[in-house]
Amino acid sequence: MNDHQSLTTIRQLALCYQAFERFSLSQISAFDLTHRQFDIIATLGNTAGMTPKELTEKTLITKGTLTGVINRMVEKGLVKRIPSSQDGRSQVIQLTAAGNKKFNKTFPVVLAAMDEAFSNARFDDHQNIQDNLKDLRDIFTGDKQ
């Protein structure tokens, strides 16, 4: 692949990401959430909670950023920190009753909007797209799983 094709591919990837960010923000901002807050609520929904390390791995939010987002969500009453029953030094982040209510209200709406958006797509093979995106990610991570 020559440089021009590489740059064109990266540009299209960046434009796709930006379009997705705008689209998803239009869905979640109606619920007074940021992208990261929604990501955490969606990840914690229907679970008994997760450690900050698990949340970092599942949400791809960095540990430093995660701490601030969790602090703001604690202030909003959406999550709480509880001591881990397995390791007294670590904490588990759980949705509060208000957080569960927010999850039950927002997740189906956002998921339905995503499904609707994809229903208008010009492609039928989601697996092929997922495979191509994984291959593209692997180029930059060096993974060949």
C-alpha atoms as a PDB file:
ATOM      1  CA  MET A   1       0.000   0.000   0.000  1.00  0.00           C
ATOM      2  CA  ASN A   2       1.469   3.369  -0.903  1.00  0.00           C
ATOM      3  CA  ASP A   3       1.494   6.385   1.418  1.00  0.00           C
ATOM      4  CA  HIS A   4      -1.483   8.008  -0.241  1.00  0.00           C
ATOM      5  CA  GLN A   5      -3.643   4.912   0.300  1.00  0.00           C
ATOM      6  CA  SER A   6      -2.486   4.646   3.914  1.00  0.00           C
ATOM      7  CA  LEU A   7      -3.353   8.272   4.591  1.00  0.00           C
ATOM      8  CA  THR A   8      -6.719   7.911   2.885  1.00  0.00           C
ATOM      9  CA  THR A   9      -7.514   4.833   4.979  1.00  0.00           C
ATOM     10  CA  ILE A  10      -6.508   6.577   8.209  1.00  0.00           C
ATOM     11  CA  ARG A  11      -8.524   9.651   7.261  1.00  0.00           C
ATOM     12  CA  GLN A  12     -11.626   7.548   6.622  1.00  0.00           C
ATOM     13  CA  LEU A  13     -11.116   5.752   9.928  1.00  0.00           C
ATOM     14  CA  ALA A  14     -10.787   9.074  11.770  1.00  0.00           C
ATOM     15  CA  LEU A  15     -13.849  10.507  10.015  1.00  0.00           C
ATOM     16  CA  CYS A  16     -15.834   7.383  10.886  1.00  0.00           C
ATOM     17  CA  TYR A  17     -14.789   7.658  14.543  1.00  0.00           C
ATOM     18  CA  GLN A  18     -15.714  11.356  14.663  1.00  0.00           C
ATOM     19  CA  ALA A  19     -19.103  10.666  13.078  1.00  0.00           C
ATOM     20  CA  PHE A  20     -19.739   7.883  15.578  1.00  0.00           C
ATOM     21  CA  GLU A  21     -18.759  10.165  18.472  1.00  0.00           C
ATOM     22  CA  ARG A  22     -21.190  12.858  17.290  1.00  0.00           C
ATOM     23  CA  PHE A  23     -23.975  10.331  16.741  1.00  0.00           C
ATOM     24  CA  SER A  24     -23.531   8.612  20.100  1.00  0.00           C
ATOM     25  CA  LEU A  25     -23.206  11.913  21.956  1.00  0.00           C
ATOM     26  CA  SER A  26     -26.529  13.018  20.490  1.00  0.00           C
ATOM     27  CA  GLN A  27     -28.070   9.915  22.074  1.00  0.00           C
ATOM     28  CA  ILE A  28     -26.442   9.982  25.513  1.00  0.00           C
ATOM     29  CA  SER A  29     -26.383  13.722  26.163  1.00  0.00           C
ATOM     30  CA  ALA A  30     -30.173  13.639  26.428  1.00  0.00           C
ATOM     31  CA  PHE A  31     -29.612  11.594  29.595  1.00  0.00           C
ATOM     32  CA  ASP A  32     -27.125  14.087  31.084  1.00  0.00           C
ATOM     33  CA  LEU A  33     -24.173  11.739  30.570  1.00  0.00           C
ATOM     34  CA  THR A  34     -20.790  12.049  28.914  1.00  0.00           C
ATOM     35  CA  HIS A  35     -19.383   9.340  26.653  1.00  0.00           C
ATOM     36  CA  ARG A  36     -17.172   8.039  29.432  1.00  0.00           C
ATOM     37  CA  GLN A  37     -19.964   8.054  31.998  1.00  0.00           C
ATOM     38  CA  PHE A  38     -22.226   6.135  29.638  1.00  0.00           C
ATOM     39  CA  ASP A  39     -19.407   3.695  28.891  1.00  0.00           C
ATOM     40  CA  ILE A  40     -19.012   2.999  32.613  1.00  0.00           C
ATOM     41  CA  ILE A  41     -22.761   2.670  33.208  1.00  0.00           C
ATOM     42  CA  ALA A  42     -23.131   0.340  30.219  1.00  0.00           C
ATOM     43  CA  THR A  43     -20.165  -1.743  31.402  1.00  0.00           C
ATOM     44  CA  LEU A  44     -21.346  -1.983  35.023  1.00  0.00           C
ATOM     45  CA  GLY A  45     -24.989  -2.622  34.120  1.00  0.00           C
ATOM     46  CA  ASN A  46     -26.220  -6.092  35.088  1.00  0.00           C
ATOM     47  CA  THR A  47     -23.023  -6.817  37.046  1.00  0.00           C
ATOM     48  CA  ALA A  48     -22.156  -6.960  40.741  1.00  0.00           C
ATOM     49  CA  GLY A  49     -19.491  -4.340  40.079  1.00  0.00           C
ATOM     50  CA  MET A  50     -15.893  -4.267  38.904  1.00  0.00           C
ATOM     51  CA  THR A  51     -12.525  -3.164  40.152  1.00  0.00           C
ATOM     52  CA  PRO A  52     -11.041  -0.034  38.606  1.00  0.00           C
ATOM     53  CA  LYS A  53      -8.553  -2.283  36.794  1.00  0.00           C
ATOM     54  CA  GLU A  54     -11.373  -4.326  35.248  1.00  0.00           C
ATOM     55  CA  LEU A  55     -13.192  -1.147  34.244  1.00  0.00           C
ATOM     56  CA  THR A  56     -10.033   0.213  32.641  1.00  0.00           C
ATOM     57  CA  GLU A  57      -9.668  -2.973  30.598  1.00  0.00           C
ATOM     58  CA  LYS A  58     -13.310  -3.180  29.541  1.00  0.00           C
ATOM     59  CA  THR A  59     -13.898   0.499  28.818  1.00  0.00           C
ATOM     60  CA  LEU A  60     -10.468   1.425  27.483  1.00  0.00           C
ATOM     61  CA  ILE A  61     -10.507   4.479  29.748  1.00  0.00           C
ATOM     62  CA  THR A  62      -7.071   5.082  31.242  1.00  0.00           C
ATOM     63  CA  LYS A  63      -6.654   4.635  34.998  1.00  0.00           C
ATOM     64  CA  GLY A  64      -5.931   8.323  35.567  1.00  0.00           C
ATOM     65  CA  THR A  65      -8.974   9.422  33.599  1.00  0.00           C
ATOM     66  CA  LEU A  66     -11.154   6.719  35.134  1.00  0.00           C
ATOM     67  CA  THR A  67     -10.542   8.029  38.658  1.00  0.00           C
ATOM     68  CA  GLY A  68     -11.867  11.480  37.769  1.00  0.00           C
ATOM     69  CA  VAL A  69     -14.880  10.099  35.908  1.00  0.00           C
ATOM     70  CA  ILE A  70     -15.734   7.795  38.820  1.00  0.00           C
ATOM     71  CA  ASN A  71     -15.364  10.692  41.289  1.00  0.00           C
ATOM     72  CA  ARG A  72     -17.864  12.762  39.280  1.00  0.00           C
ATOM     73  CA  MET A  73     -20.234   9.801  39.021  1.00  0.00           C
ATOM     74  CA  VAL A  74     -20.033   9.270  42.796  1.00  0.00           C
ATOM     75  CA  GLU A  75     -20.950  12.958  43.242  1.00  0.00           C
ATOM     76  CA  LYS A  76     -23.929  12.459  40.901  1.00  0.00           C
ATOM     77  CA  GLY A  77     -25.006   9.418  42.920  1.00  0.00           C
ATOM     78  CA  LEU A  78     -24.632   7.016  39.976  1.00  0.00           C
ATOM     79  CA  VAL A  79     -21.886   4.752  41.351  1.00  0.00           C
ATOM     80  CA  LYS A  80     -20.395   3.867  44.707  1.00  0.00           C
ATOM     81  CA  ARG A  81     -17.090   2.442  45.860  1.00  0.00           C
ATOM     82  CA  ILE A  82     -17.176  -0.531  48.188  1.00  0.00           C
ATOM     83  CA  PRO A  83     -14.286  -2.502  49.687  1.00  0.00           C
ATOM     84  CA  SER A  84     -13.478  -5.687  47.790  1.00  0.00           C
ATOM     85  CA  SER A  85     -14.502  -8.835  49.655  1.00  0.00           C
ATOM     86  CA  GLN A  86     -11.476 -10.604  48.154  1.00  0.00           C
ATOM     87  CA  ASP A  87      -8.823  -7.948  48.769  1.00  0.00           C
ATOM     88  CA  GLY A  88      -9.347  -5.361  51.488  1.00  0.00           C
ATOM     89  CA  ARG A  89      -6.919  -2.983  49.791  1.00  0.00           C
ATOM     90  CA  SER A  90      -8.909  -2.719  46.582  1.00  0.00           C
ATOM     91  CA  GLN A  91     -12.324  -1.331  45.778  1.00  0.00           C
ATOM     92  CA  VAL A  92     -15.228  -2.434  43.648  1.00  0.00           C
ATOM     93  CA  ILE A  93     -17.207   0.130  41.687  1.00  0.00           C
ATOM     94  CA  GLN A  94     -20.939  -0.571  41.615  1.00  0.00           C
ATOM     95  CA  LEU A  95     -23.945   1.173  40.191  1.00  0.00           C
ATOM     96  CA  THR A  96     -26.195   2.711  42.830  1.00  0.00           C
ATOM     97  CA  ALA A  97     -29.978   2.416  42.596  1.00  0.00           C
ATOM     98  CA  ALA A  98     -29.920   5.691  40.639  1.00  0.00           C
ATOM     99  CA  GLY A  99     -27.145   4.306  38.425  1.00  0.00           C
ATOM    100  CA  ASN A 100     -29.153   1.149  37.730  1.00  0.00           C
ATOM    101  CA  LYS A 101     -32.174   3.274  36.904  1.00  0.00           C
ATOM    102  CA  LYS A 102     -30.040   5.349  34.516  1.00  0.00           C
ATOM    103  CA  PHE A 103     -28.693   2.130  32.932  1.00  0.00           C
ATOM    104  CA  ASN A 104     -32.185   0.684  32.476  1.00  0.00           C
ATOM    105  CA  LYS A 105     -33.376   3.945  30.941  1.00  0.00           C
ATOM    106  CA  THR A 106     -30.432   4.785  28.681  1.00  0.00           C
ATOM    107  CA  PHE A 107     -28.998   1.478  27.496  1.00  0.00           C
ATOM    108  CA  PRO A 108     -32.069   0.262  25.554  1.00  0.00           C
ATOM    109  CA  VAL A 109     -32.524   3.688  23.934  1.00  0.00           C
ATOM    110  CA  VAL A 110     -28.890   3.973  22.849  1.00  0.00           C
ATOM    111  CA  LEU A 111     -28.822   0.361  21.654  1.00  0.00           C
ATOM    112  CA  ALA A 112     -32.012   0.892  19.628  1.00  0.00           C
ATOM    113  CA  ALA A 113     -30.517   4.028  18.043  1.00  0.00           C
ATOM    114  CA  MET A 114     -27.371   2.090  17.097  1.00  0.00           C
ATOM    115  CA  ASP A 115     -29.455  -0.752  15.656  1.00  0.00           C
ATOM    116  CA  GLU A 116     -31.498   1.764  13.668  1.00  0.00           C
ATOM    117  CA  ALA A 117     -28.360   3.435  12.348  1.00  0.00           C
ATOM    118  CA  PHE A 118     -26.906   0.097  11.267  1.00  0.00           C
ATOM    119  CA  SER A 119     -30.192  -0.921   9.631  1.00  0.00           C
ATOM    120  CA  ASN A 120     -29.527   1.795   7.052  1.00  0.00           C
ATOM    121  CA  ALA A 121     -26.027   0.508   6.308  1.00  0.00           C
ATOM    122  CA  ARG A 122     -25.063  -0.616   2.823  1.00  0.00           C
ATOM    123  CA  PHE A 123     -23.434  -3.771   4.082  1.00  0.00           C
ATOM    124  CA  ASP A 124     -24.833  -7.057   5.287  1.00  0.00           C
ATOM    125  CA  ASP A 125     -21.750  -8.748   6.635  1.00  0.00           C
ATOM    126  CA  HIS A 126     -20.991  -7.324  10.066  1.00  0.00           C
ATOM    127  CA  GLN A 127     -18.483 -10.093  10.735  1.00  0.00           C
ATOM    128  CA  ASN A 128     -16.422  -9.035   7.703  1.00  0.00           C
ATOM    129  CA  ILE A 129     -16.377  -5.423   8.904  1.00  0.00           C
ATOM    130  CA  GLN A 130     -15.425  -6.501  12.424  1.00  0.00           C
ATOM    131  CA  ASP A 131     -12.624  -8.670  11.040  1.00  0.00           C
ATOM    132  CA  ASN A 132     -11.306  -5.820   8.884  1.00  0.00           C
ATOM    133  CA  LEU A 133     -11.400  -3.380  11.800  1.00  0.00           C
ATOM    134  CA  LYS A 134      -9.563  -5.883  14.005  1.00  0.00           C
ATOM    135  CA  ASP A 135      -6.947  -6.362  11.278  1.00  0.00           C
ATOM    136  CA  LEU A 136      -6.529  -2.598  11.073  1.00  0.00           C
ATOM    137  CA  ARG A 137      -6.172  -2.321  14.856  1.00  0.00           C
ATOM    138  CA  ASP A 138      -3.619  -5.140  14.813  1.00  0.00           C
ATOM    139  CA  ILE A 139      -1.478  -3.156  12.377  1.00  0.00           C
ATOM    140  CA  PHE A 140      -0.995  -0.520  15.061  1.00  0.00           C
ATOM    141  CA  THR A 141      -0.805  -2.785  18.104  1.00  0.00           C
ATOM    142  CA  GLY A 142       1.382  -5.443  16.548  1.00  0.00           C
ATOM    143  CA  ASP A 143      -1.073  -8.134  17.666  1.00  0.00           C
ATOM    144  CA  LYS A 144      -1.763 -11.030  15.359  1.00  0.00           C
ATOM    145  CA  GLN A 145      -4.333 -13.018  17.348  1.00  0.00           C
END
